[in-house]
C-alpha atoms as a PDB file:
ATOM      1  CA  MET A   1     -18.370   0.597  24.429  1.00  0.00           C
ATOM      2  CA  VAL A   2     -16.076   3.919  24.833  1.00  0.00           C
ATOM      3  CA  GLY A   3     -14.446   5.066  27.943  1.00  0.00           C
ATOM      4  CA  ALA A   4     -14.177   7.718  29.972  1.00  0.00           C
ATOM      5  CA  PHE A   5     -17.695   7.561  31.673  1.00  0.00           C
ATOM      6  CA  ALA A   6     -19.424   5.394  34.115  1.00  0.00           C
ATOM      7  CA  LEU A   7     -21.752   3.214  31.654  1.00  0.00           C
ATOM      8  CA  MET A   8     -25.340   2.592  32.884  1.00  0.00           C
ATOM      9  CA  THR A   9     -27.294   0.196  31.185  1.00  0.00           C
ATOM     10  CA  LEU A  10     -31.108   0.306  31.279  1.00  0.00           C
ATOM     11  CA  SER A  11     -33.114  -2.626  29.768  1.00  0.00           C
ATOM     12  CA  CYS A  12     -36.419  -1.207  28.602  1.00  0.00           C
ATOM     13  CA  SER A  13     -39.290  -1.867  26.440  1.00  0.00           C
ATOM     14  CA  PRO A  14     -39.405  -3.536  23.002  1.00  0.00           C
ATOM     15  CA  ASP A  15     -39.909  -1.021  19.907  1.00  0.00           C
ATOM     16  CA  ASP A  16     -43.582  -0.710  17.920  1.00  0.00           C
ATOM     17  CA  PRO A  17     -42.702   2.394  14.963  1.00  0.00           C
ATOM     18  CA  ASN A  18     -45.282   4.090  13.159  1.00  0.00           C
ATOM     19  CA  HIS A  19     -42.904   3.592  10.233  1.00  0.00           C
ATOM     20  CA  GLY A  20     -42.905   7.498   7.698  1.00  0.00           C
ATOM     21  CA  ASP A  21     -40.000   9.731   6.352  1.00  0.00           C
ATOM     22  CA  GLY A  22     -38.609  10.287   9.584  1.00  0.00           C
ATOM     23  CA  ASP A  23     -41.140  10.034  11.693  1.00  0.00           C
ATOM     24  CA  SER A  24     -42.160   7.224  14.367  1.00  0.00           C
ATOM     25  CA  THR A  25     -43.502   7.338  17.960  1.00  0.00           C
ATOM     26  CA  HIS A  26     -42.387   4.160  19.361  1.00  0.00           C
ATOM     27  CA  ASP A  27     -41.476   2.691  22.702  1.00  0.00           C
ATOM     28  CA  SER A  28     -37.638   3.516  23.944  1.00  0.00           C
ATOM     29  CA  ASP A  29     -35.056  -0.102  23.834  1.00  0.00           C
ATOM     30  CA  VAL A  30     -32.185  -1.469  25.805  1.00  0.00           C
ATOM     31  CA  ILE A  31     -30.045   2.585  26.288  1.00  0.00           C
ATOM     32  CA  ASP A  32     -26.007   2.106  27.059  1.00  0.00           C
ATOM     33  CA  ILE A  33     -26.291   5.487  29.135  1.00  0.00           C
ATOM     34  CA  THR A  34     -22.721   7.683  30.074  1.00  0.00           C
ATOM     35  CA  THR A  35     -22.753   9.742  32.626  1.00  0.00           C
ATOM     36  CA  PHE A  36     -19.188  12.190  31.984  1.00  0.00           C
ATOM     37  CA  SER A  37     -18.336  15.313  34.672  1.00  0.00           C
ATOM     38  CA  VAL A  38     -16.425  18.169  33.862  1.00  0.00           C
ATOM     39  CA  LYS A  39     -15.634  21.483  36.304  1.00  0.00           C
ATOM     40  CA  GLY A  40     -18.614  19.955  37.985  1.00  0.00           C
ATOM     41  CA  GLN A  41     -21.063  19.538  35.361  1.00  0.00           C
ATOM     42  CA  SER A  42     -22.728  16.706  34.575  1.00  0.00           C
ATOM     43  CA  PHE A  43     -23.307  15.466  31.169  1.00  0.00           C
ATOM     44  CA  MET A  44     -25.364  12.321  29.484  1.00  0.00           C
ATOM     45  CA  MET A  45     -24.732  10.565  26.085  1.00  0.00           C
ATOM     46  CA  PRO A  46     -25.468   6.925  24.705  1.00  0.00           C
ATOM     47  CA  SER A  47     -22.866   5.054  23.378  1.00  0.00           C
ATOM     48  CA  PRO A  48     -21.622   4.305  20.595  1.00  0.00           C
ATOM     49  CA  MET A  49     -22.484   0.296  21.153  1.00  0.00           C
ATOM     50  CA  GLN A  50     -26.062   1.547  20.768  1.00  0.00           C
ATOM     51  CA  ILE A  51     -26.478   3.148  17.310  1.00  0.00           C
ATOM     52  CA  ALA A  52     -24.484  -0.094  16.393  1.00  0.00           C
ATOM     53  CA  ASN A  53     -26.734  -2.532  17.641  1.00  0.00           C
ATOM     54  CA  ILE A  54     -29.693  -0.668  15.009  1.00  0.00           C
ATOM     55  CA  ILE A  55     -27.593  -0.855  12.325  1.00  0.00           C
ATOM     56  CA  GLN A  56     -27.864  -4.438  12.664  1.00  0.00           C
ATOM     57  CA  LYS A  57     -30.739  -5.175  13.843  1.00  0.00           C
ATOM     58  CA  SER A  58     -32.608  -2.564  11.027  1.00  0.00           C
ATOM     59  CA  GLY A  59     -30.792  -5.700   8.522  1.00  0.00           C
ATOM     60  CA  SER A  60     -28.391  -3.549   7.348  1.00  0.00           C
ATOM     61  CA  ASN A  61     -24.944  -5.519   6.046  1.00  0.00           C
ATOM     62  CA  TYR A  62     -21.481  -5.914   7.220  1.00  0.00           C
ATOM     63  CA  ASN A  63     -20.109  -2.701   5.660  1.00  0.00           C
ATOM     64  CA  LYS A  64     -16.231  -2.565   6.205  1.00  0.00           C
ATOM     65  CA  SER A  65     -15.639   0.165   3.713  1.00  0.00           C
ATOM     66  CA  MET A  66     -16.679   2.098   6.780  1.00  0.00           C
ATOM     67  CA  LEU A  67     -14.029   1.635   9.201  1.00  0.00           C
ATOM     68  CA  ASN A  68     -11.060   3.626   9.598  1.00  0.00           C
ATOM     69  CA  SER A  69      -8.410   1.224   8.548  1.00  0.00           C
ATOM     70  CA  PRO A  70      -5.658   0.646  10.613  1.00  0.00           C
ATOM     71  CA  ASP A  71      -3.438   1.638   8.452  1.00  0.00           C
ATOM     72  CA  GLN A  72      -4.066   5.068   9.142  1.00  0.00           C
ATOM     73  CA  ILE A  73      -2.854   5.106  12.556  1.00  0.00           C
ATOM     74  CA  SER A  74       0.983   6.378  11.663  1.00  0.00           C
ATOM     75  CA  LYS A  75      -0.636  10.250  11.358  1.00  0.00           C
ATOM     76  CA  TYR A  76      -2.205  10.098  14.836  1.00  0.00           C
ATOM     77  CA  THR A  77       1.324  11.154  16.045  1.00  0.00           C
ATOM     78  CA  GLU A  78      -0.445  13.857  18.404  1.00  0.00           C
ATOM     79  CA  SER A  79      -2.398  13.459  21.698  1.00  0.00           C
ATOM     80  CA  MET A  80      -5.407  15.008  20.767  1.00  0.00           C
ATOM     81  CA  LYS A  81      -5.902  12.706  17.389  1.00  0.00           C
ATOM     82  CA  GLN A  82      -4.376  10.174  19.347  1.00  0.00           C
ATOM     83  CA  ALA A  83      -7.851  10.297  21.763  1.00  0.00           C
ATOM     84  CA  LEU A  84     -10.839  11.468  18.808  1.00  0.00           C
ATOM     85  CA  ASN A  85      -9.549   8.238  17.075  1.00  0.00           C
ATOM     86  CA  LEU A  86      -9.131   5.593  19.937  1.00  0.00           C
ATOM     87  CA  GLY A  87     -12.960   6.932  20.200  1.00  0.00           C
ATOM     88  CA  VAL A  88     -13.241   6.206  16.168  1.00  0.00           C
ATOM     89  CA  TYR A  89     -11.448   2.667  16.808  1.00  0.00           C
ATOM     90  CA  GLY A  90     -13.267   1.518  19.370  1.00  0.00           C
ATOM     91  CA  ALA A  91     -16.641   2.568  17.753  1.00  0.00           C
ATOM     92  CA  ASP A  92     -15.301   0.280  14.794  1.00  0.00           C
ATOM     93  CA  LEU A  93     -14.748  -2.445  17.116  1.00  0.00           C
ATOM     94  CA  GLY A  94     -18.913  -2.213  18.739  1.00  0.00           C
ATOM     95  CA  TYR A  95     -19.609  -2.349  15.406  1.00  0.00           C
ATOM     96  CA  ILE A  96     -17.424  -5.189  14.376  1.00  0.00           C
ATOM     97  CA  THR A  97     -18.730  -7.258  16.966  1.00  0.00           C
ATOM     98  CA  MET A  98     -22.069  -6.744  16.634  1.00  0.00           C
ATOM     99  CA  TYR A  99     -21.255  -8.392  12.586  1.00  0.00           C
ATOM    100  CA  SER A 100     -19.532 -11.397  14.712  1.00  0.00           C
ATOM    101  CA  ASN A 101     -16.633 -10.712  11.965  1.00  0.00           C
ATOM    102  CA  THR A 102     -13.230 -12.208  13.516  1.00  0.00           C
ATOM    103  CA  PRO A 103     -10.672 -11.447  12.287  1.00  0.00           C
ATOM    104  CA  ASP A 104     -11.527  -8.052  11.344  1.00  0.00           C
ATOM    105  CA  ALA A 105     -12.096  -7.893  15.542  1.00  0.00           C
ATOM    106  CA  LEU A 106      -8.861  -9.522  16.451  1.00  0.00           C
ATOM    107  CA  GLU A 107      -7.342  -6.045  14.055  1.00  0.00           C
ATOM    108  CA  TYR A 108      -8.860  -3.574  15.676  1.00  0.00           C
ATOM    109  CA  TYR A 109      -8.553  -4.845  18.413  1.00  0.00           C
ATOM    110  CA  LYS A 110      -4.736  -4.421  18.452  1.00  0.00           C
ATOM    111  CA  THR A 111      -5.451  -0.969  16.917  1.00  0.00           C
ATOM    112  CA  VAL A 112      -6.440   0.458  19.873  1.00  0.00           C
ATOM    113  CA  ASN A 113      -4.263  -1.367  22.021  1.00  0.00           C
ATOM    114  CA  GLN A 114      -1.401   0.014  20.331  1.00  0.00           C
ATOM    115  CA  LEU A 115      -3.520   3.983  20.229  1.00  0.00           C
ATOM    116  CA  ALA A 116      -3.891   2.930  24.035  1.00  0.00           C
ATOM    117  CA  ASP A 117      -0.054   2.459  24.232  1.00  0.00           C
ATOM    118  CA  GLN A 118       0.513   5.774  22.840  1.00  0.00           C
ATOM    119  CA  LEU A 119      -1.677   7.936  25.293  1.00  0.00           C
ATOM    120  CA  LYS A 120       0.141   5.688  27.869  1.00  0.00           C
ATOM    121  CA  ILE A 121      -3.057   3.522  29.472  1.00  0.00           C
ATOM    122  CA  THR A 122      -1.530   0.402  28.090  1.00  0.00           C
ATOM    123  CA  SER A 123      -3.073  -0.840  31.738  1.00  0.00           C
ATOM    124  CA  SER A 124      -6.867  -1.121  29.831  1.00  0.00           C
ATOM    125  CA  PHE A 125      -5.407  -3.918  27.476  1.00  0.00           C
ATOM    126  CA  ASP A 126      -3.252  -5.718  29.179  1.00  0.00           C
ATOM    127  CA  PRO A 127      -1.678  -8.939  27.515  1.00  0.00           C
ATOM    128  CA  GLU A 128      -3.874 -11.100  30.201  1.00  0.00           C
ATOM    129  CA  LEU A 129      -7.221  -9.427  28.686  1.00  0.00           C
ATOM    130  CA  MET A 130      -5.783  -9.192  25.340  1.00  0.00           C
ATOM    131  CA  LYS A 131      -6.222 -13.369  25.657  1.00  0.00           C
ATOM    132  CA  ARG A 132      -9.112 -13.355  26.793  1.00  0.00           C
ATOM    133  CA  PHE A 133     -10.553 -11.404  24.021  1.00  0.00           C
ATOM    134  CA  SER A 134      -8.611 -13.557  21.723  1.00  0.00           C
ATOM    135  CA  ASP A 135     -10.152 -17.033  23.542  1.00  0.00           C
ATOM    136  CA  ASN A 136     -13.897 -15.002  23.586  1.00  0.00           C
ATOM    137  CA  ILE A 137     -14.117 -14.174  19.587  1.00  0.00           C
ATOM    138  CA  ALA A 138     -16.533 -16.037  18.456  1.00  0.00           C
ATOM    139  CA  ASN A 139     -19.621 -15.559  21.524  1.00  0.00           C
ATOM    140  CA  LYS A 140     -20.393 -11.463  20.549  1.00  0.00           C
ATOM    141  CA  ASP A 141     -21.425 -10.840  24.235  1.00  0.00           C
ATOM    142  CA  SER A 142     -18.317 -11.803  25.788  1.00  0.00           C
ATOM    143  CA  VAL A 143     -16.304  -9.723  23.604  1.00  0.00           C
ATOM    144  CA  MET A 144     -18.388  -6.494  24.694  1.00  0.00           C
ATOM    145  CA  ALA A 145     -17.899  -7.124  28.085  1.00  0.00           C
ATOM    146  CA  LEU A 146     -14.261  -7.791  27.636  1.00  0.00           C
ATOM    147  CA  VAL A 147     -14.042  -4.022  25.341  1.00  0.00           C
ATOM    148  CA  GLY A 148     -16.394  -2.388  28.002  1.00  0.00           C
ATOM    149  CA  GLU A 149     -14.155  -3.531  30.457  1.00  0.00           C
ATOM    150  CA  ALA A 150     -11.044  -1.801  28.883  1.00  0.00           C
ATOM    151  CA  TYR A 151     -12.598   0.884  28.771  1.00  0.00           C
ATOM    152  CA  ARG A 152     -13.429   1.095  32.050  1.00  0.00           C
ATOM    153  CA  ARG A 153     -10.040   0.807  32.826  1.00  0.00           C
ATOM    154  CA  SER A 154      -9.442   3.671  30.590  1.00  0.00           C
ATOM    155  CA  ASP A 155     -11.834   5.621  32.395  1.00  0.00           C
ATOM    156  CA  ASN A 156     -10.537   5.276  35.422  1.00  0.00           C
ATOM    157  CA  PHE A 157      -6.772   5.703  34.851  1.00  0.00           C
ATOM    158  CA  LEU A 158      -7.748   9.132  32.552  1.00  0.00           C
ATOM    159  CA  ARG A 159      -9.741  10.567  35.920  1.00  0.00           C
ATOM    160  CA  GLU A 160      -7.218   9.773  38.718  1.00  0.00           C
ATOM    161  CA  SER A 161      -4.876  11.372  36.663  1.00  0.00           C
ATOM    162  CA  GLU A 162      -6.857  14.350  35.561  1.00  0.00           C
ATOM    163  CA  GLN A 163      -7.130  13.862  32.238  1.00  0.00           C
ATOM    164  CA  ASP A 164     -10.452  14.573  31.227  1.00  0.00           C
ATOM    165  CA  HIS A 165      -9.432  16.296  28.494  1.00  0.00           C
ATOM    166  CA  LEU A 166      -8.379  13.000  26.747  1.00  0.00           C
ATOM    167  CA  ALA A 167     -11.815  11.747  27.802  1.00  0.00           C
ATOM    168  CA  ALA A 168     -13.755  14.168  26.541  1.00  0.00           C
ATOM    169  CA  LEU A 169     -12.349  13.523  22.885  1.00  0.00           C
ATOM    170  CA  ILE A 170     -12.329   9.709  22.932  1.00  0.00           C
ATOM    171  CA  LEU A 171     -16.006   9.874  23.365  1.00  0.00           C
ATOM    172  CA  ALA A 172     -15.691  12.888  20.773  1.00  0.00           C
ATOM    173  CA  GLY A 173     -14.194  10.529  17.847  1.00  0.00           C
ATOM    174  CA  GLY A 174     -16.417   7.829  19.109  1.00  0.00           C
ATOM    175  CA  TRP A 175     -19.653   9.183  18.622  1.00  0.00           C
ATOM    176  CA  ILE A 176     -19.265  11.091  15.464  1.00  0.00           C
ATOM    177  CA  GLU A 177     -18.179   7.313  13.761  1.00  0.00           C
ATOM    178  CA  SER A 178     -20.999   5.947  15.054  1.00  0.00           C
ATOM    179  CA  MET A 179     -23.540   8.734  13.577  1.00  0.00           C
ATOM    180  CA  HIS A 180     -20.380   8.236  10.366  1.00  0.00           C
ATOM    181  CA  PHE A 181     -22.253   4.810  10.161  1.00  0.00           C
ATOM    182  CA  ALA A 182     -26.253   5.398  10.481  1.00  0.00           C
ATOM    183  CA  LEU A 183     -26.346   8.557   8.082  1.00  0.00           C
ATOM    184  CA  GLU A 184     -24.484   6.176   5.855  1.00  0.00           C
ATOM    185  CA  THR A 185     -26.583   3.694   6.421  1.00  0.00           C
ATOM    186  CA  TYR A 186     -29.524   5.291   5.660  1.00  0.00           C
ATOM    187  CA  LYS A 187     -27.837   6.871   2.391  1.00  0.00           C
ATOM    188  CA  ALA A 188     -27.514   3.602   1.486  1.00  0.00           C
ATOM    189  CA  ASN A 189     -31.403   3.127   1.692  1.00  0.00           C
ATOM    190  CA  PRO A 190     -33.276   5.959   2.757  1.00  0.00           C
ATOM    191  CA  SER A 191     -36.380   3.611   3.265  1.00  0.00           C
ATOM    192  CA  ASN A 192     -35.347   2.663   6.741  1.00  0.00           C
ATOM    193  CA  GLN A 193     -36.959   4.595   8.845  1.00  0.00           C
ATOM    194  CA  ASP A 194     -35.552   3.163  11.988  1.00  0.00           C
ATOM    195  CA  VAL A 195     -32.193   4.431  11.620  1.00  0.00           C
ATOM    196  CA  ALA A 196     -33.525   7.632  10.430  1.00  0.00           C
ATOM    197  CA  VAL A 197     -35.339   7.854  13.633  1.00  0.00           C
ATOM    198  CA  ARG A 198     -32.525   6.956  15.742  1.00  0.00           C
ATOM    199  CA  ILE A 199     -30.325   9.531  14.007  1.00  0.00           C
ATOM    200  CA  GLY A 200     -33.461  12.216  15.265  1.00  0.00           C
ATOM    201  CA  GLU A 201     -33.098  10.838  18.777  1.00  0.00           C
ATOM    202  CA  GLN A 202     -29.060  12.324  18.171  1.00  0.00           C
ATOM    203  CA  LYS A 203     -30.208  16.289  19.003  1.00  0.00           C
ATOM    204  CA  THR A 204     -29.117  16.017  22.920  1.00  0.00           C
ATOM    205  CA  THR A 205     -26.201  13.942  22.172  1.00  0.00           C
ATOM    206  CA  SER A 206     -24.508  16.666  19.497  1.00  0.00           C
ATOM    207  CA  ALA A 207     -25.872  19.551  21.927  1.00  0.00           C
ATOM    208  CA  GLY A 208     -24.302  17.745  25.265  1.00  0.00           C
ATOM    209  CA  LEU A 209     -20.763  17.014  23.315  1.00  0.00           C
ATOM    210  CA  LEU A 210     -21.019  20.062  22.087  1.00  0.00           C
ATOM    211  CA  GLU A 211     -20.868  21.543  25.846  1.00  0.00           C
ATOM    212  CA  LEU A 212     -18.581  19.053  27.192  1.00  0.00           C
ATOM    213  CA  LEU A 213     -15.987  19.717  24.832  1.00  0.00           C
ATOM    214  CA  LYS A 214     -16.247  23.530  25.395  1.00  0.00           C
ATOM    215  CA  ALA A 215     -16.154  22.736  29.347  1.00  0.00           C
ATOM    216  CA  CYS A 216     -12.701  21.069  28.730  1.00  0.00           C
ATOM    217  CA  GLU A 217     -11.317  24.731  28.520  1.00  0.00           C
ATOM    218  CA  LYS A 218      -9.338  23.685  25.556  1.00  0.00           C
ATOM    219  CA  GLU A 219      -7.928  26.095  22.933  1.00  0.00           C
ATOM    220  CA  GLU A 220      -6.480  23.038  20.808  1.00  0.00           C
ATOM    221  CA  PHE A 221     -10.357  22.334  20.557  1.00  0.00           C
ATOM    222  CA  LYS A 222     -11.861  25.156  18.883  1.00  0.00           C
ATOM    223  CA  ASP A 223     -11.546  24.299  15.531  1.00  0.00           C
ATOM    224  CA  LEU A 224     -13.626  20.657  16.368  1.00  0.00           C
ATOM    225  CA  ILE A 225     -15.702  22.731  18.546  1.00  0.00           C
ATOM    226  CA  THR A 226     -16.448  25.086  15.577  1.00  0.00           C
ATOM    227  CA  MET A 227     -17.759  22.204  13.063  1.00  0.00           C
ATOM    228  CA  MET A 228     -19.703  20.548  16.056  1.00  0.00           C
ATOM    229  CA  GLU A 229     -21.546  23.798  16.341  1.00  0.00           C
ATOM    230  CA  ALA A 230     -22.130  23.964  13.502  1.00  0.00           C
ATOM    231  CA  LEU A 231     -23.717  20.234  13.406  1.00  0.00           C
ATOM    232  CA  ASN A 232     -25.349  21.087  17.303  1.00  0.00           C
ATOM    233  CA  ALA A 233     -27.146  23.849  14.657  1.00  0.00           C
ATOM    234  CA  GLU A 234     -28.402  21.720  12.000  1.00  0.00           C
ATOM    235  CA  TYR A 235     -29.510  19.370  14.741  1.00  0.00           C
ATOM    236  CA  GLN A 236     -31.916  21.267  16.106  1.00  0.00           C
ATOM    237  CA  LYS A 237     -33.675  21.912  13.619  1.00  0.00           C
ATOM    238  CA  VAL A 238     -34.888  18.180  14.610  1.00  0.00           C
ATOM    239  CA  GLU A 239     -38.450  17.473  15.760  1.00  0.00           C
ATOM    240  CA  ILE A 240     -38.850  15.659  19.186  1.00  0.00           C
ATOM    241  CA  LYS A 241     -41.889  14.583  21.603  1.00  0.00           C
ATOM    242  CA  TYR A 242     -41.687  13.010  24.653  1.00  0.00           C
ATOM    243  CA  THR A 243     -43.814  11.857  26.143  1.00  0.00           C
ATOM    244  CA  PHE A 244     -43.151  10.606  30.109  1.00  0.00           C
ATOM    245  CA  ALA A 245     -44.239   7.600  31.653  1.00  0.00           C
ATOM    246  CA  ASP A 246     -43.284   6.560  35.170  1.00  0.00           C
ATOM    247  CA  PRO A 247     -39.960   3.908  34.914  1.00  0.00           C
ATOM    248  CA  VAL A 248     -40.214   0.749  36.460  1.00  0.00           C
ATOM    249  CA  HIS A 249     -37.137  -0.442  38.224  1.00  0.00           C
ATOM    250  CA  ASN A 250     -36.132  -3.958  39.349  1.00  0.00           C
ATOM    251  CA  GLU A 251     -33.563  -4.124  41.453  1.00  0.00           C
ATOM    252  CA  GLY A 252     -32.961  -7.486  41.492  1.00  0.00           C
ATOM    253  CA  ALA A 253     -31.825  -8.076  38.073  1.00  0.00           C
ATOM    254  CA  LYS A 254     -30.913  -4.490  38.180  1.00  0.00           C
ATOM    255  CA  THR A 255     -32.613  -3.271  35.460  1.00  0.00           C
ATOM    256  CA  THR A 256     -34.636  -0.171  34.797  1.00  0.00           C
ATOM    257  CA  THR A 257     -37.952  -1.019  32.368  1.00  0.00           C
ATOM    258  CA  VAL A 258     -38.854   3.286  30.539  1.00  0.00           C
ATOM    259  CA  ASN A 259     -42.468   2.990  29.829  1.00  0.00           C
ATOM    260  CA  GLY A 260     -42.605   6.259  27.868  1.00  0.00           C
ATOM    261  CA  THR A 261     -42.324   7.197  24.079  1.00  0.00           C
ATOM    262  CA  THR A 262     -40.596   9.239  21.667  1.00  0.00           C
ATOM    263  CA  GLU A 263     -41.613  11.011  17.917  1.00  0.00           C
ATOM    264  CA  VAL A 264     -39.638  11.785  16.513  1.00  0.00           C
ATOM    265  CA  LYS A 265     -39.814  14.568  13.186  1.00  0.00           C
ATOM    266  CA  ILE A 266     -36.825  14.673  10.791  1.00  0.00           C
ATOM    267  CA  SER A 267     -36.599  14.794   6.762  1.00  0.00           C
ATOM    268  CA  PRO A 268     -34.710  13.734   3.978  1.00  0.00           C
ATOM    269  CA  GLU A 269     -33.472  16.688   3.471  1.00  0.00           C
ATOM    270  CA  LEU A 270     -32.006  16.944   7.089  1.00  0.00           C
ATOM    271  CA  LEU A 271     -30.259  14.035   7.171  1.00  0.00           C
ATOM    272  CA  ALA A 272     -28.494  14.999   4.467  1.00  0.00           C
ATOM    273  CA  THR A 273     -27.486  17.747   5.576  1.00  0.00           C
ATOM    274  CA  LEU A 274     -26.467  15.956   8.806  1.00  0.00           C
ATOM    275  CA  LEU A 275     -24.005  13.517   6.811  1.00  0.00           C
ATOM    276  CA  GLU A 276     -22.554  16.331   5.156  1.00  0.00           C
ATOM    277  CA  LYS A 277     -21.328  18.205   8.484  1.00  0.00           C
ATOM    278  CA  VAL A 278     -20.351  14.773  10.200  1.00  0.00           C
ATOM    279  CA  LYS A 279     -18.512  13.319   7.220  1.00  0.00           C
ATOM    280  CA  ALA A 280     -16.588  17.013   7.838  1.00  0.00           C
ATOM    281  CA  ILE A 281     -16.073  16.533  11.451  1.00  0.00           C
ATOM    282  CA  ARG A 282     -15.059  12.751  10.862  1.00  0.00           C
ATOM    283  CA  ASP A 283     -12.438  13.740   7.743  1.00  0.00           C
ATOM    284  CA  TYR A 284     -10.922  16.536  10.789  1.00  0.00           C
ATOM    285  CA  ILE A 285     -10.354  13.508  12.949  1.00  0.00           C
ATOM    286  CA  VAL A 286      -9.258  10.775  10.694  1.00  0.00           C
ATOM    287  CA  ASN A 287      -6.714  12.511   7.919  1.00  0.00           C
END
């Protein structure tokens, strides 16, 4: 759901995991992919909504303590922190939406709107869209669509005003927050192998996000990039084997069914290390 990218939805085959200690082979499922271009380089990454969806479907209960409190917003006075935390709060809103928590959804939507105002992209979250959000708050699918619309408006604005670096930060904040959700969920229930495997699948995303931030060529990204490099170094220890099968395109439904299978091997020890690295990055972002 985090913006600054063109969103492509792939409607794919259902999972059929062989559960083990972070070792699973399964068909790909529904994937939201964000496509982003900086200085002629293209990057593709799954949306943070994908992780929130997997956590909710795994049977994990709603856990508000994992979210970044809206009370923190007054700390974010520089555009870099504002953009990073717009991504964080956007991922929080996506997580809340998956659990249909109406009061929290309204509060976090207002927080997202406030940060958008500070970044001067308020047109993406205008009063008319806010009213539609409030009117449809009980309908999860409608809320997800409206949040996606707001972020696509943000994407267009940032592209047109040549502020791709802010868009990259929004994406980074959203991805780190979604990984925070996944790793904390696994920590609370290490038997949840669906979540463990999905964490492992983010290996490619980690590398892509690092390259995206580097491509922005911003000196102020230095500390964030250093921490992302440490995280990515650990992520490269995940073993992934993908068996390709021709996808099936349905032009009428505008869907693509991905028929390949993915085998992911990730140890509990590596998951603990990833938790530590993600926590350090998130602390840098939200504090």
